[in-house]
N, C-alpha and C. Protein backbone atom coordinates (compact mmCIF):
# COMPACT_ATOMS: atom_id res chain seq x y z
N MET A 1 -38.26 8.12 24.34
CA MET A 1 -38.13 9.64 23.92
C MET A 1 -38.45 9.46 22.47
N PRO A 2 -39.11 10.04 21.32
CA PRO A 2 -39.08 10.53 20.28
C PRO A 2 -38.17 10.88 19.45
N VAL A 3 -37.83 10.42 18.74
CA VAL A 3 -36.54 11.16 17.36
C VAL A 3 -37.10 11.95 16.81
N GLU A 4 -36.95 13.11 16.45
CA GLU A 4 -37.45 14.44 15.93
C GLU A 4 -37.21 13.81 14.24
N ALA A 5 -38.25 13.96 13.16
CA ALA A 5 -37.70 13.76 11.85
C ALA A 5 -36.63 14.55 11.21
N SER A 6 -36.15 15.81 11.38
CA SER A 6 -35.66 16.51 10.92
C SER A 6 -34.12 15.60 11.11
N ALA A 7 -33.92 15.63 12.47
CA ALA A 7 -32.77 14.54 13.11
C ALA A 7 -32.36 13.09 11.85
N ARG A 8 -33.49 12.58 11.99
CA ARG A 8 -33.66 11.38 11.42
C ARG A 8 -33.08 11.43 9.55
N ARG A 9 -33.69 12.45 8.97
CA ARG A 9 -33.20 13.04 7.84
C ARG A 9 -31.91 13.55 7.78
N GLU A 10 -31.55 13.99 8.88
CA GLU A 10 -30.24 14.74 8.81
C GLU A 10 -29.31 13.48 8.70
N ARG A 11 -28.98 12.49 9.55
CA ARG A 11 -28.27 11.48 9.43
C ARG A 11 -28.37 10.63 8.29
N SER A 12 -29.68 10.50 7.22
CA SER A 12 -29.57 9.71 6.34
C SER A 12 -29.04 10.23 4.72
N HIS A 13 -28.61 11.49 4.92
CA HIS A 13 -27.73 11.95 3.94
C HIS A 13 -26.50 11.85 4.13
N PRO A 14 -25.86 11.23 3.03
CA PRO A 14 -24.50 10.73 3.19
C PRO A 14 -23.67 12.07 3.22
N ALA A 15 -22.40 11.76 3.89
CA ALA A 15 -21.83 13.50 3.37
C ALA A 15 -20.95 13.86 2.06
N LEU A 16 -20.76 14.53 1.41
CA LEU A 16 -20.99 14.79 0.17
C LEU A 16 -19.27 14.54 -0.14
N ARG A 17 -18.98 13.96 -0.92
CA ARG A 17 -17.32 13.54 -1.20
C ARG A 17 -16.81 14.01 -2.88
N LEU A 18 -16.36 15.08 -2.48
CA LEU A 18 -15.42 15.52 -3.83
C LEU A 18 -14.56 14.59 -4.68
N PRO A 19 -14.68 14.94 -5.86
CA PRO A 19 -13.60 14.06 -6.65
C PRO A 19 -12.34 14.04 -5.98
N GLY A 20 -11.69 15.05 -5.72
CA GLY A 20 -10.14 15.08 -5.86
C GLY A 20 -10.29 14.46 -4.17
N ASN A 21 -11.07 14.21 -3.29
CA ASN A 21 -10.94 13.89 -2.16
C ASN A 21 -11.27 12.44 -1.83
N PRO A 22 -10.49 11.26 -2.33
CA PRO A 22 -10.71 9.81 -1.80
C PRO A 22 -11.09 9.57 -0.63
N THR A 23 -11.77 8.64 -0.46
CA THR A 23 -12.49 8.01 0.75
C THR A 23 -11.20 7.32 1.33
N PRO A 24 -11.55 7.16 2.29
CA PRO A 24 -9.86 6.51 3.42
C PRO A 24 -10.01 4.83 2.92
N ASP A 25 -11.39 4.45 2.64
CA ASP A 25 -11.66 3.15 2.12
C ASP A 25 -11.09 2.97 0.66
N ALA A 26 -10.74 3.92 0.07
CA ALA A 26 -10.41 4.08 -1.72
C ALA A 26 -9.38 2.92 -1.64
N VAL A 27 -9.37 2.15 -2.94
CA VAL A 27 -8.51 1.45 -3.21
C VAL A 27 -7.82 2.01 -4.64
N ASP A 28 -6.76 2.19 -4.32
CA ASP A 28 -5.12 2.34 -5.59
C ASP A 28 -5.89 1.44 -6.79
N PRO A 29 -6.04 1.81 -7.65
CA PRO A 29 -6.46 1.19 -9.02
C PRO A 29 -5.27 0.46 -9.48
N ARG A 30 -3.95 1.14 -9.11
CA ARG A 30 -2.48 0.19 -9.06
C ARG A 30 -2.64 -1.29 -8.56
N LEU A 31 -2.91 -1.04 -7.41
CA LEU A 31 -2.93 -2.07 -6.27
C LEU A 31 -4.05 -3.21 -6.49
N ALA A 32 -5.29 -2.52 -6.95
CA ALA A 32 -6.20 -3.47 -7.46
C ALA A 32 -6.09 -4.59 -8.28
N GLY A 33 -5.25 -3.54 -9.56
CA GLY A 33 -4.94 -4.06 -10.70
C GLY A 33 -4.10 -5.23 -10.50
N LEU A 34 -2.97 -4.88 -9.74
CA LEU A 34 -1.76 -5.95 -9.13
C LEU A 34 -2.75 -7.15 -8.06
N ALA A 35 -3.77 -7.05 -7.70
CA ALA A 35 -4.46 -7.94 -6.94
C ALA A 35 -4.98 -9.06 -8.02
N ASP A 36 -5.72 -8.26 -8.99
CA ASP A 36 -6.12 -9.05 -9.80
C ASP A 36 -5.13 -9.88 -10.65
N LEU A 37 -3.84 -9.68 -11.15
CA LEU A 37 -3.11 -10.52 -11.25
C LEU A 37 -2.42 -11.64 -10.66
N ILE A 38 -2.61 -11.02 -9.35
CA ILE A 38 -2.26 -11.90 -8.02
C ILE A 38 -3.30 -13.16 -8.15
N ASP A 39 -4.40 -12.71 -8.54
CA ASP A 39 -5.83 -13.87 -8.64
C ASP A 39 -5.51 -14.56 -9.84
N GLU A 40 -5.08 -14.29 -11.06
CA GLU A 40 -4.77 -14.52 -12.05
C GLU A 40 -3.45 -15.98 -11.59
N VAL A 41 -2.59 -15.39 -11.05
CA VAL A 41 -1.46 -16.46 -11.02
C VAL A 41 -2.35 -17.41 -10.03
N VAL A 42 -2.99 -17.06 -8.96
CA VAL A 42 -3.42 -18.22 -8.39
C VAL A 42 -4.50 -19.32 -9.02
N ALA A 43 -5.32 -18.72 -10.03
CA ALA A 43 -6.08 -19.38 -10.51
C ALA A 43 -5.32 -20.50 -11.30
N CYS A 44 -4.09 -20.20 -12.22
CA CYS A 44 -3.15 -21.14 -13.28
C CYS A 44 -2.69 -21.91 -11.97
N LEU A 45 -2.76 -21.42 -10.74
CA LEU A 45 -1.79 -22.32 -10.01
C LEU A 45 -2.84 -23.78 -9.62
N ASP A 46 -3.90 -23.68 -9.74
CA ASP A 46 -5.03 -24.28 -9.76
C ASP A 46 -4.66 -25.88 -9.85
N PRO A 47 -4.54 -26.91 -8.91
CA PRO A 47 -4.27 -28.17 -9.68
C PRO A 47 -5.30 -28.54 -10.30
N SER A 48 -6.52 -28.38 -10.66
CA SER A 48 -7.93 -29.36 -10.98
C SER A 48 -7.64 -28.80 -12.77
N LEU A 49 -6.61 -27.60 -13.04
CA LEU A 49 -6.70 -27.04 -14.20
C LEU A 49 -5.08 -27.57 -15.15
N GLY A 50 -5.04 -28.50 -14.73
CA GLY A 50 -3.48 -29.25 -15.05
C GLY A 50 -2.30 -28.85 -14.55
N ASP A 51 -1.43 -29.21 -15.11
CA ASP A 51 0.04 -28.61 -15.02
C ASP A 51 0.49 -27.12 -14.69
N PRO A 52 0.67 -26.94 -13.30
CA PRO A 52 1.02 -25.49 -13.34
C PRO A 52 2.25 -24.86 -13.54
N ARG A 53 3.04 -26.04 -14.55
CA ARG A 53 4.15 -25.38 -15.32
C ARG A 53 3.65 -24.81 -16.80
N ASP A 54 2.77 -24.68 -17.31
CA ASP A 54 2.32 -24.44 -18.17
C ASP A 54 2.64 -22.93 -18.68
N GLU A 55 2.53 -22.83 -19.89
CA GLU A 55 2.56 -21.24 -20.27
C GLU A 55 1.96 -20.06 -19.76
N SER A 56 0.52 -20.68 -19.74
CA SER A 56 -0.59 -19.21 -19.16
C SER A 56 0.12 -18.87 -17.48
N LEU A 57 0.59 -19.74 -16.93
CA LEU A 57 1.24 -19.59 -15.55
C LEU A 57 2.23 -18.76 -15.77
N ARG A 58 3.78 -18.79 -16.88
CA ARG A 58 4.80 -18.42 -16.80
C ARG A 58 4.15 -16.65 -17.23
N ALA A 59 3.17 -16.56 -18.40
CA ALA A 59 2.89 -15.58 -18.84
C ALA A 59 1.96 -14.83 -17.42
N ALA A 60 1.50 -15.20 -16.59
CA ALA A 60 0.67 -14.67 -15.33
C ALA A 60 1.72 -14.32 -14.75
N VAL A 61 3.02 -15.10 -14.28
CA VAL A 61 3.56 -14.63 -13.35
C VAL A 61 4.86 -13.50 -13.75
N ALA A 62 4.72 -13.42 -15.20
CA ALA A 62 5.55 -12.48 -15.80
C ALA A 62 4.70 -10.97 -15.72
N ARG A 63 3.53 -11.01 -16.17
CA ARG A 63 2.82 -9.86 -15.82
C ARG A 63 2.42 -9.36 -14.66
N CYS A 64 2.16 -10.10 -13.42
CA CYS A 64 2.37 -9.96 -12.24
C CYS A 64 3.89 -9.21 -11.97
N ASN A 65 4.80 -10.13 -11.94
CA ASN A 65 6.31 -9.45 -11.71
C ASN A 65 6.17 -7.80 -12.08
N SER A 66 5.74 -7.74 -13.60
CA SER A 66 6.26 -6.64 -14.02
C SER A 66 5.22 -5.38 -13.36
N GLU A 67 4.06 -5.76 -13.35
CA GLU A 67 3.03 -4.52 -12.60
C GLU A 67 3.74 -4.34 -11.13
N LEU A 68 4.23 -5.62 -10.35
CA LEU A 68 4.84 -5.08 -9.14
C LEU A 68 6.25 -4.50 -9.64
N GLU A 69 6.83 -4.66 -9.87
CA GLU A 69 7.78 -3.87 -10.27
C GLU A 69 7.69 -2.09 -10.50
N THR A 70 6.46 -1.96 -11.60
CA THR A 70 6.23 -0.70 -12.07
C THR A 70 5.70 -0.03 -10.60
N TYR A 71 5.19 -0.67 -9.87
CA TYR A 71 4.21 -0.03 -8.52
C TYR A 71 5.53 0.31 -7.75
N LEU A 72 6.28 -1.04 -7.24
CA LEU A 72 7.21 -0.58 -6.31
C LEU A 72 8.42 0.45 -6.86
N GLU A 73 8.36 0.92 -8.10
CA GLU A 73 9.37 1.87 -8.65
C GLU A 73 8.79 3.25 -8.34
N ALA A 74 7.47 3.13 -8.74
CA ALA A 74 6.92 4.72 -8.48
C ALA A 74 6.80 4.90 -6.95
N GLN A 75 6.72 4.19 -5.55
CA GLN A 75 6.61 4.21 -4.85
C GLN A 75 8.00 4.57 -4.06
N ARG A 76 9.14 4.30 -4.75
CA ARG A 76 10.55 4.71 -4.64
C ARG A 76 10.74 5.99 -4.75
N ALA A 77 10.11 6.09 -5.92
CA ALA A 77 10.24 7.89 -6.23
C ALA A 77 9.46 8.70 -5.65
N ARG A 78 8.68 8.39 -4.99
CA ARG A 78 7.74 9.14 -4.30
C ARG A 78 8.33 9.08 -2.72
N GLU A 79 9.10 8.02 -2.38
CA GLU A 79 9.75 8.13 -1.22
C GLU A 79 11.22 8.96 -0.95
N LEU A 80 11.38 9.34 -2.12
CA LEU A 80 12.78 10.02 -2.55
C LEU A 80 12.42 11.75 -2.31
N ARG A 81 11.39 11.83 -2.43
CA ARG A 81 10.88 13.38 -2.26
C ARG A 81 11.58 13.87 -0.98
N ALA A 82 11.77 15.34 -1.38
CA ALA A 82 12.55 15.93 0.15
C ALA A 82 11.87 15.74 1.62
N GLY A 83 12.41 15.67 2.56
CA GLY A 83 11.29 15.53 3.65
C GLY A 83 10.72 14.51 3.77
N ALA A 84 11.06 13.66 3.05
CA ALA A 84 9.85 12.25 3.17
C ALA A 84 10.71 11.39 4.15
N ALA A 85 11.51 11.19 4.59
CA ALA A 85 12.26 10.48 5.31
C ALA A 85 12.16 11.18 6.93
N GLN A 86 12.37 12.40 6.92
CA GLN A 86 12.56 13.48 7.91
C GLN A 86 10.90 13.47 8.44
N ASP A 87 9.70 13.16 8.01
CA ASP A 87 8.55 13.17 8.12
C ASP A 87 8.27 11.77 9.08
N GLU A 88 8.87 10.79 7.90
CA GLU A 88 8.61 9.52 8.72
C GLU A 88 8.91 9.15 9.74
N LEU A 89 10.58 9.58 9.83
CA LEU A 89 11.17 9.34 11.21
C LEU A 89 10.85 9.92 12.18
N ARG A 90 9.94 11.24 12.63
CA ARG A 90 9.18 11.92 12.96
C ARG A 90 8.40 11.25 13.72
N GLY A 91 7.25 10.95 12.75
CA GLY A 91 6.21 9.94 13.04
C GLY A 91 6.67 8.34 13.69
N LEU A 92 7.89 7.90 13.43
CA LEU A 92 8.10 6.51 13.91
C LEU A 92 8.81 7.16 15.31
N ALA A 93 8.99 8.14 15.67
CA ALA A 93 9.64 8.33 16.90
C ALA A 93 8.70 8.54 17.72
N ARG A 94 7.67 9.44 17.35
CA ARG A 94 5.96 9.42 18.30
C ARG A 94 5.75 8.36 18.93
N GLN A 95 5.86 7.44 17.35
CA GLN A 95 4.92 5.89 17.84
C GLN A 95 6.07 5.14 18.85
N LEU A 96 7.18 5.48 19.10
CA LEU A 96 8.31 4.73 19.72
C LEU A 96 7.96 4.89 21.71
N ARG A 97 7.68 6.18 21.40
CA ARG A 97 7.29 6.87 22.68
C ARG A 97 5.85 6.69 23.19
N SER A 98 5.02 6.40 22.35
CA SER A 98 3.51 6.29 22.92
C SER A 98 3.19 4.81 22.71
N ASP A 99 4.05 4.08 21.93
CA ASP A 99 3.06 2.60 21.69
C ASP A 99 3.88 1.46 21.71
N ARG A 100 4.27 1.31 22.73
CA ARG A 100 5.53 -0.02 23.28
C ARG A 100 5.02 -1.19 22.85
N GLY A 101 3.60 -1.80 22.65
CA GLY A 101 3.31 -2.78 22.12
C GLY A 101 3.65 -3.46 20.79
N GLU A 102 3.50 -2.01 20.05
CA GLU A 102 4.37 -2.33 18.46
C GLU A 102 5.73 -1.96 18.54
N ALA A 103 6.23 -1.73 19.25
CA ALA A 103 8.09 -1.44 19.15
C ALA A 103 8.74 -2.09 18.12
N THR A 104 8.51 -3.46 18.06
CA THR A 104 9.55 -4.45 17.24
C THR A 104 9.18 -4.04 15.66
N ALA A 105 7.84 -3.94 15.30
CA ALA A 105 7.74 -3.37 14.29
C ALA A 105 8.05 -2.22 13.96
N VAL A 106 7.90 -1.06 14.70
CA VAL A 106 7.88 0.59 14.56
C VAL A 106 9.87 0.32 14.42
N VAL A 107 10.93 -0.59 15.15
CA VAL A 107 11.93 -0.31 15.01
C VAL A 107 12.52 -0.85 13.60
N ARG A 108 11.84 -2.03 13.33
CA ARG A 108 11.71 -2.38 11.90
C ARG A 108 11.53 -1.22 10.92
N ARG A 109 10.84 -0.62 11.15
CA ARG A 109 10.64 0.50 9.99
C ARG A 109 11.57 1.65 9.88
N VAL A 110 11.76 1.97 11.13
CA VAL A 110 13.31 2.67 11.32
C VAL A 110 14.76 2.66 10.39
N ARG A 111 14.56 0.90 10.56
CA ARG A 111 15.65 0.74 9.89
C ARG A 111 15.50 0.44 8.68
N ARG A 112 14.65 0.26 7.95
CA ARG A 112 14.44 0.50 6.35
C ARG A 112 14.05 1.94 6.19
N VAL A 113 13.77 2.98 6.91
CA VAL A 113 13.99 4.34 6.57
C VAL A 113 15.43 4.62 6.54
N LEU A 114 16.22 4.38 7.56
CA LEU A 114 17.44 4.74 7.56
C LEU A 114 18.15 4.13 6.28
N GLY A 115 18.02 2.73 6.01
CA GLY A 115 18.65 2.19 5.03
C GLY A 115 18.20 3.04 3.81
N ARG A 116 17.28 3.67 3.50
CA ARG A 116 17.19 4.52 2.07
C ARG A 116 17.76 5.71 2.52
N VAL A 117 17.85 6.23 3.21
CA VAL A 117 18.39 7.68 3.71
C VAL A 117 19.96 7.31 3.18
N ASP A 118 20.52 6.16 3.85
CA ASP A 118 21.88 6.04 3.68
C ASP A 118 22.16 5.41 1.88
N ALA A 119 21.24 4.98 1.32
CA ALA A 119 21.33 4.63 0.07
C ALA A 119 21.44 6.12 -0.59
N GLN A 120 20.58 6.55 -0.53
CA GLN A 120 20.55 7.81 -1.09
C GLN A 120 21.67 8.77 -1.17
N ARG A 121 22.12 8.69 0.13
CA ARG A 121 23.36 9.58 0.60
C ARG A 121 24.60 8.92 -0.42
N ARG A 122 24.66 8.02 -0.29
CA ARG A 122 25.80 7.17 -1.42
C ARG A 122 25.38 7.23 -2.68
N GLY A 123 24.37 7.73 -3.15
CA GLY A 123 23.98 7.67 -4.61
C GLY A 123 23.22 6.64 -5.10
N GLY A 124 22.73 5.73 -4.20
CA GLY A 124 22.38 4.43 -4.50
C GLY A 124 20.63 4.47 -4.31
N SER A 125 20.14 3.23 -4.83
CA SER A 125 18.44 3.55 -4.90
C SER A 125 17.77 2.03 -3.90
N GLU A 126 18.58 1.60 -2.77
CA GLU A 126 18.40 0.51 -2.46
C GLU A 126 16.82 0.57 -1.33
N THR A 127 15.67 -0.53 -1.56
CA THR A 127 15.06 -0.36 -0.18
C THR A 127 14.41 -1.17 0.25
């Protein structure tokens, strides 16, 4: 059965992507930068390049730790918004009811969320 030319042409055009709508596989630039810093640490650990305890390794680890902490602080601030815990707990409860195969991972996530809620209630910022 022949395929009409208009059907082929229609499928060959990608969907329009607006600047404000990232694609599902879009990488957060902060995570991409962190991944680059991790690669830098890995490169410094390469035994063929010499002693891994040198100054370049210390500097790479310091930059990586700094970027990691900056990212995690931004995540913590985002998680503290009103209703975030409610939304996450509702979703986790749904997962527990429907997907028993991942129950252990879901329960661990519930424990993390409850820990954040408790820390907020007491005025802390544990994660």
